[in-house]
Amino acid sequence: MTLDNDIRNIIKAVIENDLAAPKVPKKRVPKLKRIWKCHHVHDFLYGHRVGYYKGLAEGMILERYRRQLSKEEDNEVFEIVQPQIKVLRKYFAYYKDTRTRTKN
């Protein structure tokens, strides 16, 4: 099976809206690190968001057809996100720790 055009369009619109949205203030980064026990917040947020897109598609398929994504549909979600990967990584690079680390 393939994804319906409206599902594809919704995922694309959500990605576009995410990229246009204001970023979470950097002062929340320490809290994110502590709560989610992650060292690289930018990678965590990127992965979280890409997972959200897949979950969005899964939820629509589940609601509409009462089943999980097929392997083909799962690949289609990746194909929708893949052209935006560089832009998404750049968006989340804002949260990178820019302090230089020195070896002791």
PDB file of N, CA and C in Angstrom:
ATOM      1  N   MET A   1       0.836  -1.181   0.000  1.00  0.00           N
ATOM      2  CA  MET A   1       0.000   0.000   0.000  1.00  0.00           C
ATOM      3  C   MET A   1       0.885   1.250   0.000  1.00  0.00           C
ATOM      4  N   THR A   2       0.317   2.322  -0.463  1.00  0.00           N
ATOM      5  CA  THR A   2       1.032   3.601  -0.431  1.00  0.00           C
ATOM      6  C   THR A   2       0.245   4.589   0.414  1.00  0.00           C
ATOM      7  N   LEU A   3       0.942   5.599   0.891  1.00  0.00           N
ATOM      8  CA  LEU A   3       0.289   6.633   1.698  1.00  0.00           C
ATOM      9  C   LEU A   3      -0.679   7.438   0.837  1.00  0.00           C
ATOM     10  N   ASP A   4      -1.789   7.796   1.427  1.00  0.00           N
ATOM     11  CA  ASP A   4      -2.734   8.678   0.741  1.00  0.00           C
ATOM     12  C   ASP A   4      -2.086  10.045   0.556  1.00  0.00           C
ATOM     13  N   ASN A   5      -2.475  10.733  -0.504  1.00  0.00           N
ATOM     14  CA  ASN A   5      -1.907  12.058  -0.784  1.00  0.00           C
ATOM     15  C   ASN A   5      -2.152  13.032   0.359  1.00  0.00           C
ATOM     16  N   ASP A   6      -3.316  12.959   1.011  1.00  0.00           N
ATOM     17  CA  ASP A   6      -3.574  13.900   2.102  1.00  0.00           C
ATOM     18  C   ASP A   6      -2.640  13.640   3.284  1.00  0.00           C
ATOM     19  N   ILE A   7      -2.288  12.388   3.540  1.00  0.00           N
ATOM     20  CA  ILE A   7      -1.349  12.079   4.625  1.00  0.00           C
ATOM     21  C   ILE A   7       0.034  12.615   4.258  1.00  0.00           C
ATOM     22  N   ARG A   8       0.455  12.398   3.025  1.00  0.00           N
ATOM     23  CA  ARG A   8       1.743  12.935   2.563  1.00  0.00           C
ATOM     24  C   ARG A   8       1.772  14.456   2.722  1.00  0.00           C
ATOM     25  N   ASN A   9       0.690  15.103   2.306  1.00  0.00           N
ATOM     26  CA  ASN A   9       0.625  16.568   2.378  1.00  0.00           C
ATOM     27  C   ASN A   9       0.628  17.067   3.820  1.00  0.00           C
ATOM     28  N   ILE A  10      -0.034  16.348   4.705  1.00  0.00           N
ATOM     29  CA  ILE A  10      -0.057  16.741   6.120  1.00  0.00           C
ATOM     30  C   ILE A  10       1.353  16.659   6.703  1.00  0.00           C
ATOM     31  N   ILE A  11       2.062  15.573   6.419  1.00  0.00           N
ATOM     32  CA  ILE A  11       3.431  15.425   6.938  1.00  0.00           C
ATOM     33  C   ILE A  11       4.316  16.541   6.399  1.00  0.00           C
ATOM     34  N   LYS A  12       4.221  16.822   5.110  1.00  0.00           N
ATOM     35  CA  LYS A  12       5.015  17.906   4.522  1.00  0.00           C
ATOM     36  C   LYS A  12       4.682  19.248   5.172  1.00  0.00           C
ATOM     37  N   ALA A  13       3.392  19.500   5.408  1.00  0.00           N
ATOM     38  CA  ALA A  13       2.980  20.763   6.032  1.00  0.00           C
ATOM     39  C   ALA A  13       3.502  20.866   7.462  1.00  0.00           C
ATOM     40  N   VAL A  14       3.478  19.757   8.196  1.00  0.00           N
ATOM     41  CA  VAL A  14       3.977  19.765   9.577  1.00  0.00           C
ATOM     42  C   VAL A  14       5.477  20.063   9.585  1.00  0.00           C
ATOM     43  N   ILE A  15       6.228  19.476   8.667  1.00  0.00           N
ATOM     44  CA  ILE A  15       7.666  19.749   8.586  1.00  0.00           C
ATOM     45  C   ILE A  15       7.892  21.233   8.303  1.00  0.00           C
ATOM     46  N   GLU A  16       7.172  21.771   7.336  1.00  0.00           N
ATOM     47  CA  GLU A  16       7.311  23.193   6.997  1.00  0.00           C
ATOM     48  C   GLU A  16       6.971  24.075   8.195  1.00  0.00           C
ATOM     49  N   ASN A  17       5.902  23.742   8.905  1.00  0.00           N
ATOM     50  CA  ASN A  17       5.510  24.516  10.086  1.00  0.00           C
ATOM     51  C   ASN A  17       6.557  24.415  11.190  1.00  0.00           C
ATOM     52  N   ASP A  18       7.136  23.226  11.357  1.00  0.00           N
ATOM     53  CA  ASP A  18       8.190  23.055  12.363  1.00  0.00           C
ATOM     54  C   ASP A  18       9.378  23.962  12.068  1.00  0.00           C
ATOM     55  N   LEU A  19       9.768  24.006  10.802  1.00  0.00           N
ATOM     56  CA  LEU A  19      10.934  24.808  10.430  1.00  0.00           C
ATOM     57  C   LEU A  19      10.661  26.303  10.565  1.00  0.00           C
ATOM     58  N   ALA A  20       9.396  26.690  10.495  1.00  0.00           N
ATOM     59  CA  ALA A  20       9.035  28.100  10.629  1.00  0.00           C
ATOM     60  C   ALA A  20       8.778  28.497  12.084  1.00  0.00           C
ATOM     61  N   ALA A  21       8.646  27.514  12.957  1.00  0.00           N
ATOM     62  CA  ALA A  21       8.309  27.783  14.359  1.00  0.00           C
ATOM     63  C   ALA A  21       9.504  28.338  15.120  1.00  0.00           C
ATOM     64  N   PRO A  22       9.225  29.153  16.147  1.00  0.00           N
ATOM     65  CA  PRO A  22      10.338  29.638  16.984  1.00  0.00           C
ATOM     66  C   PRO A  22      10.985  28.476  17.731  1.00  0.00           C
ATOM     67  N   LYS A  23      12.263  28.613  17.977  1.00  0.00           N
ATOM     68  CA  LYS A  23      13.003  27.565  18.678  1.00  0.00           C
ATOM     69  C   LYS A  23      12.764  27.673  20.186  1.00  0.00           C
ATOM     70  N   VAL A  24      12.916  26.539  20.847  1.00  0.00           N
ATOM     71  CA  VAL A  24      12.854  26.510  22.304  1.00  0.00           C
ATOM     72  C   VAL A  24      14.051  27.304  22.814  1.00  0.00           C
ATOM     73  N   PRO A  25      13.879  28.148  23.830  1.00  0.00           N
ATOM     74  CA  PRO A  25      15.021  28.919  24.343  1.00  0.00           C
ATOM     75  C   PRO A  25      16.169  28.012  24.794  1.00  0.00           C
ATOM     76  N   LYS A  26      17.389  28.431  24.509  1.00  0.00           N
ATOM     77  CA  LYS A  26      18.568  27.634  24.871  1.00  0.00           C
ATOM     78  C   LYS A  26      18.675  27.417  26.380  1.00  0.00           C
ATOM     79  N   LYS A  27      18.076  28.311  27.150  1.00  0.00           N
ATOM     80  CA  LYS A  27      18.175  28.155  28.607  1.00  0.00           C
ATOM     81  C   LYS A  27      17.467  26.887  29.089  1.00  0.00           C
ATOM     82  N   ARG A  28      16.630  26.273  28.242  1.00  0.00           N
ATOM     83  CA  ARG A  28      15.949  25.028  28.614  1.00  0.00           C
ATOM     84  C   ARG A  28      16.785  23.796  28.309  1.00  0.00           C
ATOM     85  N   VAL A  29      17.921  23.975  27.625  1.00  0.00           N
ATOM     86  CA  VAL A  29      18.764  22.838  27.246  1.00  0.00           C
ATOM     87  C   VAL A  29      19.227  22.032  28.466  1.00  0.00           C
ATOM     88  N   PRO A  30      19.726  22.657  29.532  1.00  0.00           N
ATOM     89  CA  PRO A  30      20.144  21.851  30.691  1.00  0.00           C
ATOM     90  C   PRO A  30      19.001  20.993  31.258  1.00  0.00           C
ATOM     91  N   LYS A  31      17.795  21.534  31.260  1.00  0.00           N
ATOM     92  CA  LYS A  31      16.658  20.761  31.762  1.00  0.00           C
ATOM     93  C   LYS A  31      16.369  19.577  30.839  1.00  0.00           C
ATOM     94  N   LEU A  32      16.433  19.810  29.528  1.00  0.00           N
ATOM     95  CA  LEU A  32      16.233  18.706  28.580  1.00  0.00           C
ATOM     96  C   LEU A  32      17.269  17.614  28.797  1.00  0.00           C
ATOM     97  N   LYS A  33      18.532  18.020  28.984  1.00  0.00           N
ATOM     98  CA  LYS A  33      19.599  17.045  29.221  1.00  0.00           C
ATOM     99  C   LYS A  33      19.328  16.237  30.480  1.00  0.00           C
ATOM    100  N   ARG A  34      18.903  16.914  31.520  1.00  0.00           N
ATOM    101  CA  ARG A  34      18.667  16.247  32.795  1.00  0.00           C
ATOM    102  C   ARG A  34      17.469  15.308  32.711  1.00  0.00           C
ATOM    103  N   ILE A  35      16.358  15.784  32.178  1.00  0.00           N
ATOM    104  CA  ILE A  35      15.136  14.971  32.145  1.00  0.00           C
ATOM    105  C   ILE A  35      15.285  13.773  31.216  1.00  0.00           C
ATOM    106  N   TRP A  36      15.822  14.007  30.019  1.00  0.00           N
ATOM    107  CA  TRP A  36      15.897  12.939  29.022  1.00  0.00           C
ATOM    108  C   TRP A  36      17.223  12.185  29.061  1.00  0.00           C
ATOM    109  N   LYS A  37      18.120  12.602  29.960  1.00  0.00           N
ATOM    110  CA  LYS A  37      19.414  11.938  30.131  1.00  0.00           C
ATOM    111  C   LYS A  37      20.144  11.801  28.791  1.00  0.00           C
ATOM    112  N   CYS A  38      20.231  12.925  28.082  1.00  0.00           N
ATOM    113  CA  CYS A  38      20.936  12.923  26.798  1.00  0.00           C
ATOM    114  C   CYS A  38      22.083  13.928  26.864  1.00  0.00           C
ATOM    115  N   HIS A  39      23.131  13.650  26.126  1.00  0.00           N
ATOM    116  CA  HIS A  39      24.292  14.523  26.110  1.00  0.00           C
ATOM    117  C   HIS A  39      24.248  15.524  24.965  1.00  0.00           C
ATOM    118  N   HIS A  40      23.627  15.146  23.878  1.00  0.00           N
ATOM    119  CA  HIS A  40      23.582  15.980  22.678  1.00  0.00           C
ATOM    120  C   HIS A  40      22.126  16.333  22.374  1.00  0.00           C
ATOM    121  N   VAL A  41      21.676  17.429  22.943  1.00  0.00           N
ATOM    122  CA  VAL A  41      20.279  17.835  22.840  1.00  0.00           C
ATOM    123  C   VAL A  41      19.857  18.014  21.386  1.00  0.00           C
ATOM    124  N   HIS A  42      20.741  18.562  20.568  1.00  0.00           N
ATOM    125  CA  HIS A  42      20.373  18.795  19.162  1.00  0.00           C
ATOM    126  C   HIS A  42      20.051  17.476  18.456  1.00  0.00           C
ATOM    127  N   ASP A  43      20.826  16.426  18.721  1.00  0.00           N
ATOM    128  CA  ASP A  43      20.549  15.121  18.117  1.00  0.00           C
ATOM    129  C   ASP A  43      19.268  14.516  18.682  1.00  0.00           C
ATOM    130  N   PHE A  44      19.080  14.680  19.990  1.00  0.00           N
ATOM    131  CA  PHE A  44      17.856  14.173  20.613  1.00  0.00           C
ATOM    132  C   PHE A  44      16.622  14.832  20.008  1.00  0.00           C
ATOM    133  N   LEU A  45      16.634  16.155  19.900  1.00  0.00           N
ATOM    134  CA  LEU A  45      15.477  16.877  19.364  1.00  0.00           C
ATOM    135  C   LEU A  45      15.226  16.525  17.900  1.00  0.00           C
ATOM    136  N   TYR A  46      16.292  16.373  17.138  1.00  0.00           N
ATOM    137  CA  TYR A  46      16.163  15.978  15.730  1.00  0.00           C
ATOM    138  C   TYR A  46      15.504  14.598  15.639  1.00  0.00           C
ATOM    139  N   GLY A  47      16.027  13.636  16.377  1.00  0.00           N
ATOM    140  CA  GLY A  47      15.471  12.277  16.369  1.00  0.00           C
ATOM    141  C   GLY A  47      14.042  12.238  16.862  1.00  0.00           C
ATOM    142  N   HIS A  48      13.775  13.008  17.895  1.00  0.00           N
ATOM    143  CA  HIS A  48      12.422  13.081  18.432  1.00  0.00           C
ATOM    144  C   HIS A  48      11.454  13.585  17.373  1.00  0.00           C
ATOM    145  N   ARG A  49      11.858  14.614  16.651  1.00  0.00           N
ATOM    146  CA  ARG A  49      10.968  15.217  15.653  1.00  0.00           C
ATOM    147  C   ARG A  49      10.740  14.293  14.468  1.00  0.00           C
ATOM    148  N   VAL A  50      11.802  13.644  13.998  1.00  0.00           N
ATOM    149  CA  VAL A  50      11.643  12.709  12.888  1.00  0.00           C
ATOM    150  C   VAL A  50      10.741  11.543  13.320  1.00  0.00           C
ATOM    151  N   GLY A  51      10.902  11.081  14.536  1.00  0.00           N
ATOM    152  CA  GLY A  51      10.010  10.049  15.072  1.00  0.00           C
ATOM    153  C   GLY A  51       8.569  10.530  15.151  1.00  0.00           C
ATOM    154  N   TYR A  52       8.396  11.808  15.444  1.00  0.00           N
ATOM    155  CA  TYR A  52       7.049  12.382  15.487  1.00  0.00           C
ATOM    156  C   TYR A  52       6.380  12.287  14.121  1.00  0.00           C
ATOM    157  N   TYR A  53       7.129  12.561  13.061  1.00  0.00           N
ATOM    158  CA  TYR A  53       6.542  12.503  11.720  1.00  0.00           C
ATOM    159  C   TYR A  53       6.063  11.089  11.400  1.00  0.00           C
ATOM    160  N   LYS A  54       6.864  10.103  11.768  1.00  0.00           N
ATOM    161  CA  LYS A  54       6.455   8.721  11.540  1.00  0.00           C
ATOM    162  C   LYS A  54       5.228   8.393  12.393  1.00  0.00           C
ATOM    163  N   GLY A  55       5.234   8.835  13.632  1.00  0.00           N
ATOM    164  CA  GLY A  55       4.090   8.587  14.510  1.00  0.00           C
ATOM    165  C   GLY A  55       2.822   9.254  14.009  1.00  0.00           C
ATOM    166  N   LEU A  56       2.978  10.412  13.408  1.00  0.00           N
ATOM    167  CA  LEU A  56       1.839  11.119  12.837  1.00  0.00           C
ATOM    168  C   LEU A  56       1.207  10.277  11.730  1.00  0.00           C
ATOM    169  N   ALA A  57       2.040   9.762  10.837  1.00  0.00           N
ATOM    170  CA  ALA A  57       1.542   8.915   9.752  1.00  0.00           C
ATOM    171  C   ALA A  57       0.914   7.639  10.311  1.00  0.00           C
ATOM    172  N   GLU A  58       1.569   7.033  11.302  1.00  0.00           N
ATOM    173  CA  GLU A  58       1.024   5.811  11.906  1.00  0.00           C
ATOM    174  C   GLU A  58      -0.342   6.057  12.532  1.00  0.00           C
ATOM    175  N   GLY A  59      -0.476   7.177  13.211  1.00  0.00           N
ATOM    176  CA  GLY A  59      -1.750   7.495  13.844  1.00  0.00           C
ATOM    177  C   GLY A  59      -2.864   7.685  12.825  1.00  0.00           C
ATOM    178  N   MET A  60      -2.552   8.336  11.717  1.00  0.00           N
ATOM    179  CA  MET A  60      -3.576   8.549  10.690  1.00  0.00           C
ATOM    180  C   MET A  60      -3.969   7.225  10.027  1.00  0.00           C
ATOM    181  N   ILE A  61      -2.994   6.355   9.778  1.00  0.00           N
ATOM    182  CA  ILE A  61      -3.288   5.052   9.182  1.00  0.00           C
ATOM    183  C   ILE A  61      -4.107   4.204  10.161  1.00  0.00           C
ATOM    184  N   LEU A  62      -3.735   4.244  11.416  1.00  0.00           N
ATOM    185  CA  LEU A  62      -4.455   3.478  12.433  1.00  0.00           C
ATOM    186  C   LEU A  62      -5.906   3.954  12.546  1.00  0.00           C
ATOM    187  N   GLU A  63      -6.090   5.262  12.565  1.00  0.00           N
ATOM    188  CA  GLU A  63      -7.438   5.811  12.675  1.00  0.00           C
ATOM    189  C   GLU A  63      -8.273   5.511  11.428  1.00  0.00           C
ATOM    190  N   ARG A  64      -7.648   5.673  10.288  1.00  0.00           N
ATOM    191  CA  ARG A  64      -8.368   5.528   9.024  1.00  0.00           C
ATOM    192  C   ARG A  64      -8.611   4.079   8.631  1.00  0.00           C
ATOM    193  N   TYR A  65      -7.590   3.228   8.780  1.00  0.00           N
ATOM    194  CA  TYR A  65      -7.675   1.859   8.270  1.00  0.00           C
ATOM    195  C   TYR A  65      -7.582   0.776   9.346  1.00  0.00           C
ATOM    196  N   ARG A  66      -7.401   1.192  10.599  1.00  0.00           N
ATOM    197  CA  ARG A  66      -7.312   0.261  11.724  1.00  0.00           C
ATOM    198  C   ARG A  66      -6.180  -0.755  11.561  1.00  0.00           C
ATOM    199  N   ARG A  67      -5.028  -0.246  11.119  1.00  0.00           N
ATOM    200  CA  ARG A  67      -3.850  -1.099  10.963  1.00  0.00           C
ATOM    201  C   ARG A  67      -2.586  -0.261  11.124  1.00  0.00           C
ATOM    202  N   GLN A  68      -1.462  -0.945  11.221  1.00  0.00           N
ATOM    203  CA  GLN A  68      -0.178  -0.255  11.309  1.00  0.00           C
ATOM    204  C   GLN A  68       0.333   0.089   9.915  1.00  0.00           C
ATOM    205  N   LEU A  69       1.351   0.926   9.876  1.00  0.00           N
ATOM    206  CA  LEU A  69       1.995   1.252   8.605  1.00  0.00           C
ATOM    207  C   LEU A  69       2.578  -0.010   7.978  1.00  0.00           C
ATOM    208  N   SER A  70       2.431  -0.144   6.682  1.00  0.00           N
ATOM    209  CA  SER A  70       3.114  -1.228   5.980  1.00  0.00           C
ATOM    210  C   SER A  70       4.574  -0.811   5.805  1.00  0.00           C
ATOM    211  N   LYS A  71       5.401  -1.749   5.422  1.00  0.00           N
ATOM    212  CA  LYS A  71       6.816  -1.438   5.189  1.00  0.00           C
ATOM    213  C   LYS A  71       6.949  -0.381   4.094  1.00  0.00           C
ATOM    214  N   GLU A  72       6.147  -0.475   3.050  1.00  0.00           N
ATOM    215  CA  GLU A  72       6.189   0.495   1.952  1.00  0.00           C
ATOM    216  C   GLU A  72       5.793   1.888   2.438  1.00  0.00           C
ATOM    217  N   GLU A  73       4.764   1.957   3.265  1.00  0.00           N
ATOM    218  CA  GLU A  73       4.320   3.244   3.802  1.00  0.00           C
ATOM    219  C   GLU A  73       5.377   3.837   4.735  1.00  0.00           C
ATOM    220  N   ASP A  74       5.993   2.976   5.528  1.00  0.00           N
ATOM    221  CA  ASP A  74       7.063   3.425   6.414  1.00  0.00           C
ATOM    222  C   ASP A  74       8.195   4.027   5.581  1.00  0.00           C
ATOM    223  N   ASN A  75       8.541   3.370   4.490  1.00  0.00           N
ATOM    224  CA  ASN A  75       9.585   3.893   3.595  1.00  0.00           C
ATOM    225  C   ASN A  75       9.150   5.219   2.970  1.00  0.00           C
ATOM    226  N   GLU A  76       7.878   5.353   2.665  1.00  0.00           N
ATOM    227  CA  GLU A  76       7.380   6.605   2.095  1.00  0.00           C
ATOM    228  C   GLU A  76       7.523   7.764   3.073  1.00  0.00           C
ATOM    229  N   VAL A  77       7.275   7.501   4.343  1.00  0.00           N
ATOM    230  CA  VAL A  77       7.453   8.548   5.351  1.00  0.00           C
ATOM    231  C   VAL A  77       8.904   8.999   5.326  1.00  0.00           C
ATOM    232  N   PHE A  78       9.826   8.041   5.283  1.00  0.00           N
ATOM    233  CA  PHE A  78      11.243   8.395   5.207  1.00  0.00           C
ATOM    234  C   PHE A  78      11.528   9.209   3.945  1.00  0.00           C
ATOM    235  N   GLU A  79      10.928   8.828   2.830  1.00  0.00           N
ATOM    236  CA  GLU A  79      11.137   9.548   1.571  1.00  0.00           C
ATOM    237  C   GLU A  79      10.614  10.989   1.644  1.00  0.00           C
ATOM    238  N   ILE A  80       9.584  11.214   2.446  1.00  0.00           N
ATOM    239  CA  ILE A  80       9.059  12.567   2.630  1.00  0.00           C
ATOM    240  C   ILE A  80      10.029  13.392   3.470  1.00  0.00           C
ATOM    241  N   VAL A  81      10.573  12.787   4.521  1.00  0.00           N
ATOM    242  CA  VAL A  81      11.458  13.489   5.451  1.00  0.00           C
ATOM    243  C   VAL A  81      12.860  13.652   4.864  1.00  0.00           C
ATOM    244  N   GLN A  82      13.329  12.674   4.127  1.00  0.00           N
ATOM    245  CA  GLN A  82      14.716  12.640   3.648  1.00  0.00           C
ATOM    246  C   GLN A  82      15.166  13.914   2.940  1.00  0.00           C
ATOM    247  N   PRO A  83      14.389  14.518   2.031  1.00  0.00           N
ATOM    248  CA  PRO A  83      14.875  15.748   1.387  1.00  0.00           C
ATOM    249  C   PRO A  83      15.041  16.924   2.360  1.00  0.00           C
ATOM    250  N   GLN A  84      14.424  16.829   3.522  1.00  0.00           N
ATOM    251  CA  GLN A  84      14.482  17.910   4.503  1.00  0.00           C
ATOM    252  C   GLN A  84      15.525  17.678   5.594  1.00  0.00           C
ATOM    253  N   ILE A  85      16.249  16.572   5.510  1.00  0.00           N
ATOM    254  CA  ILE A  85      17.172  16.208   6.592  1.00  0.00           C
ATOM    255  C   ILE A  85      18.205  17.302   6.855  1.00  0.00           C
ATOM    256  N   LYS A  86      18.827  17.845   5.825  1.00  0.00           N
ATOM    257  CA  LYS A  86      19.844  18.882   6.036  1.00  0.00           C
ATOM    258  C   LYS A  86      19.250  20.110   6.711  1.00  0.00           C
ATOM    259  N   VAL A  87      18.070  20.501   6.278  1.00  0.00           N
ATOM    260  CA  VAL A  87      17.422  21.685   6.855  1.00  0.00           C
ATOM    261  C   VAL A  87      17.036  21.421   8.304  1.00  0.00           C
ATOM    262  N   LEU A  88      16.512  20.225   8.579  1.00  0.00           N
ATOM    263  CA  LEU A  88      16.144  19.873   9.950  1.00  0.00           C
ATOM    264  C   LEU A  88      17.376  19.820  10.853  1.00  0.00           C
ATOM    265  N   ARG A  89      18.452  19.230  10.368  1.00  0.00           N
ATOM    266  CA  ARG A  89      19.682  19.175  11.178  1.00  0.00           C
ATOM    267  C   ARG A  89      20.207  20.573  11.460  1.00  0.00           C
ATOM    268  N   LYS A  90      20.146  21.433  10.455  1.00  0.00           N
ATOM    269  CA  LYS A  90      20.591  22.815  10.648  1.00  0.00           C
ATOM    270  C   LYS A  90      19.700  23.517  11.677  1.00  0.00           C
ATOM    271  N   TYR A  91      18.399  23.288  11.590  1.00  0.00           N
ATOM    272  CA  TYR A  91      17.445  23.877  12.533  1.00  0.00           C
ATOM    273  C   TYR A  91      17.801  23.472  13.968  1.00  0.00           C
ATOM    274  N   PHE A  92      18.071  22.189  14.177  1.00  0.00           N
ATOM    275  CA  PHE A  92      18.364  21.710  15.526  1.00  0.00           C
ATOM    276  C   PHE A  92      19.812  21.944  15.940  1.00  0.00           C
ATOM    277  N   ALA A  93      20.696  22.287  15.009  1.00  0.00           N
ATOM    278  CA  ALA A  93      22.091  22.608  15.354  1.00  0.00           C
ATOM    279  C   ALA A  93      22.157  23.839  16.251  1.00  0.00           C
ATOM    280  N   TYR A  94      21.113  24.626  16.245  1.00  0.00           N
ATOM    281  CA  TYR A  94      21.005  25.794  17.134  1.00  0.00           C
ATOM    282  C   TYR A  94      21.276  25.393  18.590  1.00  0.00           C
ATOM    283  N   TYR A  95      20.935  24.164  18.951  1.00  0.00           N
ATOM    284  CA  TYR A  95      21.060  23.706  20.332  1.00  0.00           C
ATOM    285  C   TYR A  95      22.406  23.065  20.643  1.00  0.00           C
ATOM    286  N   LYS A  96      23.307  23.025  19.664  1.00  0.00           N
ATOM    287  CA  LYS A  96      24.622  22.434  19.908  1.00  0.00           C
ATOM    288  C   LYS A  96      25.361  23.240  20.960  1.00  0.00           C
ATOM    289  N   ASP A  97      26.133  22.525  21.746  1.00  0.00           N
ATOM    290  CA  ASP A  97      26.984  23.175  22.735  1.00  0.00           C
ATOM    291  C   ASP A  97      28.185  23.739  21.981  1.00  0.00           C
ATOM    292  N   THR A  98      28.280  25.052  21.916  1.00  0.00           N
ATOM    293  CA  THR A  98      29.336  25.691  21.124  1.00  0.00           C
ATOM    294  C   THR A  98      30.607  25.928  21.919  1.00  0.00           C
ATOM    295  N   ARG A  99      30.594  25.593  23.169  1.00  0.00           N
ATOM    296  CA  ARG A  99      31.815  25.755  23.969  1.00  0.00           C
ATOM    297  C   ARG A  99      32.861  24.764  23.486  1.00  0.00           C
ATOM    298  N   THR A 100      34.076  25.227  23.402  1.00  0.00           N
ATOM    299  CA  THR A 100      35.151  24.324  22.988  1.00  0.00           C
ATOM    300  C   THR A 100      35.553  23.474  24.181  1.00  0.00           C
ATOM    301  N   ARG A 101      35.793  22.237  23.888  1.00  0.00           N
ATOM    302  CA  ARG A 101      36.195  21.307  24.955  1.00  0.00           C
ATOM    303  C   ARG A 101      37.709  21.136  24.890  1.00  0.00           C
ATOM    304  N   THR A 102      38.303  21.122  26.053  1.00  0.00           N
ATOM    305  CA  THR A 102      39.746  20.913  26.126  1.00  0.00           C
ATOM    306  C   THR A 102      40.024  19.617  26.848  1.00  0.00           C
ATOM    307  N   LYS A 103      41.067  18.930  26.403  1.00  0.00           N
ATOM    308  CA  LYS A 103      41.461  17.690  27.063  1.00  0.00           C
ATOM    309  C   LYS A 103      42.312  18.025  28.264  1.00  0.00           C
ATOM    310  N   ASN A 104      42.087  17.298  29.346  1.00  0.00           N
ATOM    311  CA  ASN A 104      42.867  17.500  30.573  1.00  0.00           C
ATOM    312  C   ASN A 104      44.031  16.563  30.621  1.00  0.00           C
TER     313      ASN A 104
END
